Protein backbone atom coordinates (compact mmCIF):
# COMPACT_ATOMS: atom_id res chain seq x y z
CA UNK A 1 0.00 0.00 0.00
CA UNK A 2 1.53 3.33 -0.97
CA UNK A 3 1.55 6.62 0.90
CA UNK A 4 -0.55 8.15 -1.89
CA UNK A 5 -3.30 5.58 -1.65
CA UNK A 6 -3.69 5.74 2.13
CA UNK A 7 -3.32 9.52 2.35
CA UNK A 8 -6.09 10.61 -0.03
CA UNK A 9 -9.25 12.46 0.85
CA UNK A 10 -8.22 13.79 4.22
CA UNK A 11 -10.40 16.83 4.77
CA UNK A 12 -9.38 19.71 7.01
CA UNK A 13 -11.76 18.42 9.67
CA UNK A 14 -10.25 14.92 9.43
CA UNK A 15 -6.74 16.32 9.84
CA UNK A 16 -7.80 18.37 12.85
CA UNK A 17 -9.10 15.19 14.47
CA UNK A 18 -6.08 12.98 13.82
CA UNK A 19 -3.52 15.68 14.67
CA UNK A 20 -5.44 16.69 17.80
CA UNK A 21 -5.62 13.08 18.93
CA UNK A 22 -1.88 12.62 18.32
CA UNK A 23 -1.12 15.74 20.39
CA UNK A 24 -3.37 14.53 23.21
CA UNK A 25 -1.50 11.22 23.33
CA UNK A 26 1.85 13.02 23.25
CA UNK A 27 0.85 15.32 26.11
CA UNK A 28 -0.05 12.35 28.30
CA UNK A 29 3.14 10.53 27.34
CA UNK A 30 5.31 13.51 28.26
CA UNK A 31 3.45 13.83 31.55
CA UNK A 32 4.24 10.19 32.33
CA UNK A 33 0.58 9.20 32.21
CA UNK A 34 -0.76 5.99 30.61
CA UNK A 35 -2.28 6.21 27.15
CA UNK A 36 -5.08 3.90 25.99
CA UNK A 37 -4.01 3.51 22.35
CA UNK A 38 -6.97 1.32 21.50
CA UNK A 39 -9.48 3.88 22.76
CA UNK A 40 -7.78 6.65 20.83
CA UNK A 41 -7.82 4.51 17.70
CA UNK A 42 -11.52 3.81 18.03
CA UNK A 43 -12.29 7.49 18.44
CA UNK A 44 -10.33 8.56 15.35
CA UNK A 45 -11.84 5.75 13.27
CA UNK A 46 -15.36 6.71 14.35
CA UNK A 47 -14.99 10.45 13.75
CA UNK A 48 -13.07 10.29 10.45
CA UNK A 49 -14.58 7.11 9.03
CA UNK A 50 -11.11 5.86 8.13
CA UNK A 51 -9.56 2.49 8.83
CA UNK A 52 -6.42 1.70 10.79
CA UNK A 53 -4.01 1.73 7.83
CA UNK A 54 -4.57 5.32 6.62
CA UNK A 55 -4.73 6.56 10.22
CA UNK A 56 -1.41 4.90 11.07
CA UNK A 57 0.13 6.34 7.90
CA UNK A 58 -1.07 9.83 8.74
CA UNK A 59 0.23 9.49 12.30
CA UNK A 60 3.63 8.61 10.85
CA UNK A 61 3.49 11.79 8.76
CA UNK A 62 2.66 13.77 11.90
CA UNK A 63 5.71 12.21 13.55
CA UNK A 64 7.83 13.37 10.62
CA UNK A 65 6.60 16.96 10.86
CA UNK A 66 7.04 17.10 14.63
CA UNK A 67 10.55 15.65 14.28
CA UNK A 68 11.53 18.44 11.91
CA UNK A 69 9.92 21.12 14.09
CA UNK A 70 11.84 19.79 17.08
CA UNK A 71 9.29 18.02 19.26
CA UNK A 72 9.37 14.50 20.66
CA UNK A 73 7.14 11.98 18.92
CA UNK A 74 5.08 8.93 19.77
CA UNK A 75 7.59 6.08 19.67
CA UNK A 76 5.16 3.62 18.13
CA UNK A 77 4.58 5.93 15.16
CA UNK A 78 7.90 6.23 13.29
CA UNK A 79 8.22 9.14 10.85
CA UNK A 80 6.90 8.88 7.31
CA UNK A 81 8.25 11.61 5.05
CA UNK A 82 5.27 11.86 2.68
CA UNK A 83 3.53 14.74 4.53
CA UNK A 84 1.92 17.59 2.58
CA UNK A 85 1.05 21.27 3.04
CA UNK A 86 -2.42 20.69 4.57
CA UNK A 87 -0.84 18.54 7.28
CA UNK A 88 1.70 21.29 8.05
CA UNK A 89 -1.20 23.71 8.52
CA UNK A 90 -3.05 21.27 10.78
CA UNK A 91 0.05 20.72 12.93
CA UNK A 92 0.65 24.46 13.19
CA UNK A 93 -2.94 25.10 14.29
CA UNK A 94 -2.74 22.44 16.99
CA UNK A 95 0.65 23.58 18.31
CA UNK A 96 -0.53 27.19 18.47
CA UNK A 97 -3.46 26.05 20.61
CA UNK A 98 -1.28 24.00 22.99
CA UNK A 99 1.39 26.14 24.67
CA UNK A 100 1.58 23.63 27.52
CA UNK A 101 2.68 20.95 25.06
CA UNK A 102 5.50 23.17 23.82
CA UNK A 103 6.68 23.62 27.40
CA UNK A 104 6.43 19.90 28.14
CA UNK A 105 8.39 19.10 24.98
CA UNK A 106 11.37 20.88 26.56
CA UNK A 107 10.84 20.01 30.23
CA UNK A 108 8.41 17.14 30.80
CA UNK A 109 7.66 15.73 34.22
CA UNK A 110 9.90 12.73 33.49
CA UNK A 111 12.93 15.03 33.27
CA UNK A 112 12.84 15.68 37.00
CA UNK A 113 13.39 12.02 37.88
CA UNK A 114 16.23 11.55 35.38
CA UNK A 115 19.68 10.69 36.78
CA UNK A 116 22.25 13.53 37.01
CA UNK A 117 23.91 12.24 33.83
CA UNK A 118 22.40 9.93 31.23
CA UNK A 119 24.53 7.36 29.32
CA UNK A 120 24.79 8.39 25.67
CA UNK A 121 25.08 6.37 22.46
CA UNK A 122 26.99 7.90 19.56
CA UNK A 123 25.36 7.89 16.11
CA UNK A 124 26.31 9.44 12.76
CA UNK A 125 24.93 12.90 11.96
CA UNK A 126 21.55 12.74 10.19
CA UNK A 127 21.29 13.22 6.47
CA UNK A 128 20.17 16.69 5.33
CA UNK A 129 16.41 16.99 4.85
CA UNK A 130 14.69 18.99 2.13
CA UNK A 131 12.87 22.02 3.55
CA UNK A 132 9.98 23.82 1.91
CA UNK A 133 9.37 27.49 2.67
CA UNK A 134 6.19 26.47 4.48
CA UNK A 135 8.05 24.04 6.72
CA UNK A 136 10.76 26.62 7.47
CA UNK A 137 8.11 29.11 8.58
CA UNK A 138 6.57 26.49 10.85
CA UNK A 139 9.95 25.70 12.42
CA UNK A 140 10.72 29.37 12.92
CA UNK A 141 7.35 30.14 14.47
CA UNK A 142 7.78 27.75 17.39
CA UNK A 143 11.61 27.81 17.51
CA UNK A 144 12.02 24.72 19.65
CA UNK A 145 15.82 25.00 19.41
CA UNK A 146 15.75 28.33 21.23
CA UNK A 147 13.29 27.02 23.81
CA UNK A 148 15.59 24.09 24.60
CA UNK A 149 18.68 26.31 24.73
CA UNK A 150 16.97 28.65 27.21
CA UNK A 151 16.00 25.87 29.61
CA UNK A 152 18.79 25.68 32.18
CA UNK A 153 17.71 22.30 33.58
CA UNK A 154 17.69 20.56 30.18
CA UNK A 155 20.93 22.27 29.17
CA UNK A 156 22.61 21.21 32.41
CA UNK A 157 21.50 17.61 32.00
CA UNK A 158 22.91 17.52 28.48
CA UNK A 159 26.23 18.99 29.60
CA UNK A 160 26.56 16.53 32.50
CA UNK A 161 25.80 13.62 30.16
CA UNK A 162 28.45 14.74 27.65
CA UNK A 163 31.05 15.19 30.42
CA UNK A 164 30.35 11.66 31.67
CA UNK A 165 30.60 10.26 28.12
CA UNK A 166 33.86 12.08 27.35
CA UNK A 167 35.41 10.99 30.65
CA UNK A 168 34.40 7.38 30.06
CA UNK A 169 35.81 7.49 26.51
CA UNK A 170 39.20 8.72 27.70
CA UNK A 171 39.32 6.30 30.63
CA UNK A 172 38.46 3.37 28.37
CA UNK A 173 41.34 4.38 26.10
CA UNK A 174 43.90 4.48 28.87
CA UNK A 175 43.84 8.17 29.74
CA UNK A 176 42.10 8.49 33.13
CA UNK A 177 44.39 11.46 33.82
CA UNK A 178 42.74 13.39 30.98
CA UNK A 179 39.30 12.14 31.99
CA UNK A 180 39.80 13.75 35.39
CA UNK A 181 40.51 17.13 33.77
CA UNK A 182 37.26 17.34 31.81
CA UNK A 183 34.98 19.99 33.29
CA UNK A 184 32.14 22.38 32.54
CA UNK A 185 33.16 25.92 31.73
CA UNK A 186 33.08 28.64 34.36
CA UNK A 187 33.17 32.40 34.59
CA UNK A 188 36.94 32.39 34.05
CA UNK A 189 36.64 30.70 30.64
CA UNK A 190 36.12 32.43 27.29
CA UNK A 191 32.53 32.57 26.07
CA UNK A 192 31.27 30.21 23.40
CA UNK A 193 31.56 26.67 24.74
CA UNK A 194 30.17 24.48 27.54
CA UNK A 195 32.75 21.76 28.25
CA UNK A 196 36.53 21.67 28.27
CA UNK A 197 37.50 18.28 26.87
CA UNK A 198 40.60 16.66 25.42
CA UNK A 199 41.72 14.47 22.58
CA UNK A 200 43.88 11.44 23.30
CA UNK A 201 46.90 13.54 22.35
CA UNK A 202 45.99 16.07 25.09
CA UNK A 203 44.87 18.74 22.64
CA UNK A 204 41.97 20.74 24.10
CA UNK A 205 38.43 20.35 22.81
CA UNK A 206 36.10 23.33 23.26
CA UNK A 207 32.77 21.50 23.26
CA UNK A 208 29.36 23.09 22.74
CA UNK A 209 26.47 20.91 23.91
CA UNK A 210 23.09 21.25 22.21
CA UNK A 211 20.38 19.17 23.89
CA UNK A 212 16.86 18.19 22.88
CA UNK A 213 14.27 15.63 23.89
CA UNK A 214 13.31 15.39 20.21
CA UNK A 215 15.01 13.29 17.53
CA UNK A 216 18.08 13.75 15.39
CA UNK A 217 16.38 16.09 12.92
CA UNK A 218 15.43 18.70 15.55
CA UNK A 219 16.87 22.08 14.54
CA UNK A 220 19.36 24.00 16.64
CA UNK A 221 21.49 27.11 16.22
CA UNK A 222 24.76 28.59 17.44
CA UNK A 223 25.01 31.81 19.41
CA UNK A 224 27.16 34.69 18.20
CA UNK A 225 29.78 33.76 20.82
CA UNK A 226 29.81 30.16 19.64
CA UNK A 227 30.16 31.18 16.00
CA UNK A 228 32.99 33.55 16.89
CA UNK A 229 34.81 30.80 18.78
CA UNK A 230 34.29 28.34 15.90
CA UNK A 231 35.91 30.88 13.58
CA UNK A 232 38.78 31.73 15.93
CA UNK A 233 39.52 28.15 17.10
CA UNK A 234 38.24 25.76 14.40
CA UNK A 235 40.86 23.14 15.28
CA UNK A 236 39.46 22.86 18.83
CA UNK A 237 35.78 23.77 18.45
CA UNK A 238 33.36 20.82 18.62
CA UNK A 239 29.61 20.30 18.87
CA UNK A 240 27.88 17.43 20.63
CA UNK A 241 24.24 17.32 19.55
CA UNK A 242 22.42 15.33 22.25
CA UNK A 243 18.98 14.15 21.15
CA UNK A 244 16.18 11.86 22.30
CA UNK A 245 17.58 12.44 25.77
CA UNK A 246 14.84 10.61 27.66
CA UNK A 247 14.50 7.91 25.02
CA UNK A 248 17.52 6.15 23.52
CA UNK A 249 19.74 9.11 24.57
CA UNK A 250 21.96 9.52 21.53
CA UNK A 251 24.38 12.16 20.24
CA UNK A 252 26.35 13.02 17.15
CA UNK A 253 29.49 15.09 16.58
CA UNK A 254 30.07 18.13 14.42
CA UNK A 255 33.10 20.37 13.86
CA UNK A 256 34.00 23.29 11.55
CA UNK A 257 33.59 24.07 8.75
CA UNK A 258 29.79 24.24 8.93
CA UNK A 259 27.41 24.50 5.97
């Protein structure tokens, strides 16, 4: 069954129902509350008149859009990249009506019971994704990257997790002395990075940590101080993009040149 065949004839009202239901499930998930998937499925089938297959397909498209905007997704609905403009509009309408969901997507209740540092798994950087003007406007409107960067608790958890990972990496490679020197930056350090790390050859690594609860495609930006440091010290400047922090807890590396 193709995406085209299961995605036809979704009216604006149908999209409002399926997107609204998805958001309701996501809100409960982020709050750590149980979700009755079967009951939600029955409701969407009854209201839209659609069967399970097209509903599941559309939910996968919603996951794709939310991934690109920078929100967590329902784990049992992996992204499908066949979304269209009407779905973008439906997602935007629902997000605009749910400021509490935007807050929970950065700092859900589950974050407060997380350990001080979360073990991270390294993955390759994601492939670049095509962006339409409409999608870019949607991303810019809600600016989840800035919301995450402004949250001190989430930022601190990401930094602590990267410090633990870097220390473990050096210790495992026979350099516990360097592992002991890894630290978060303080007032005495130049602006533009979060962690002082080291390569195995003792060269410093000026590490910027960007953290999100969303997936690998969630957007993020660099501050003016970070960009200036990347230009002045490209040999030392590094990014650790921590994503899906309360899920599989993964990260990928980046270094200059960017773009």
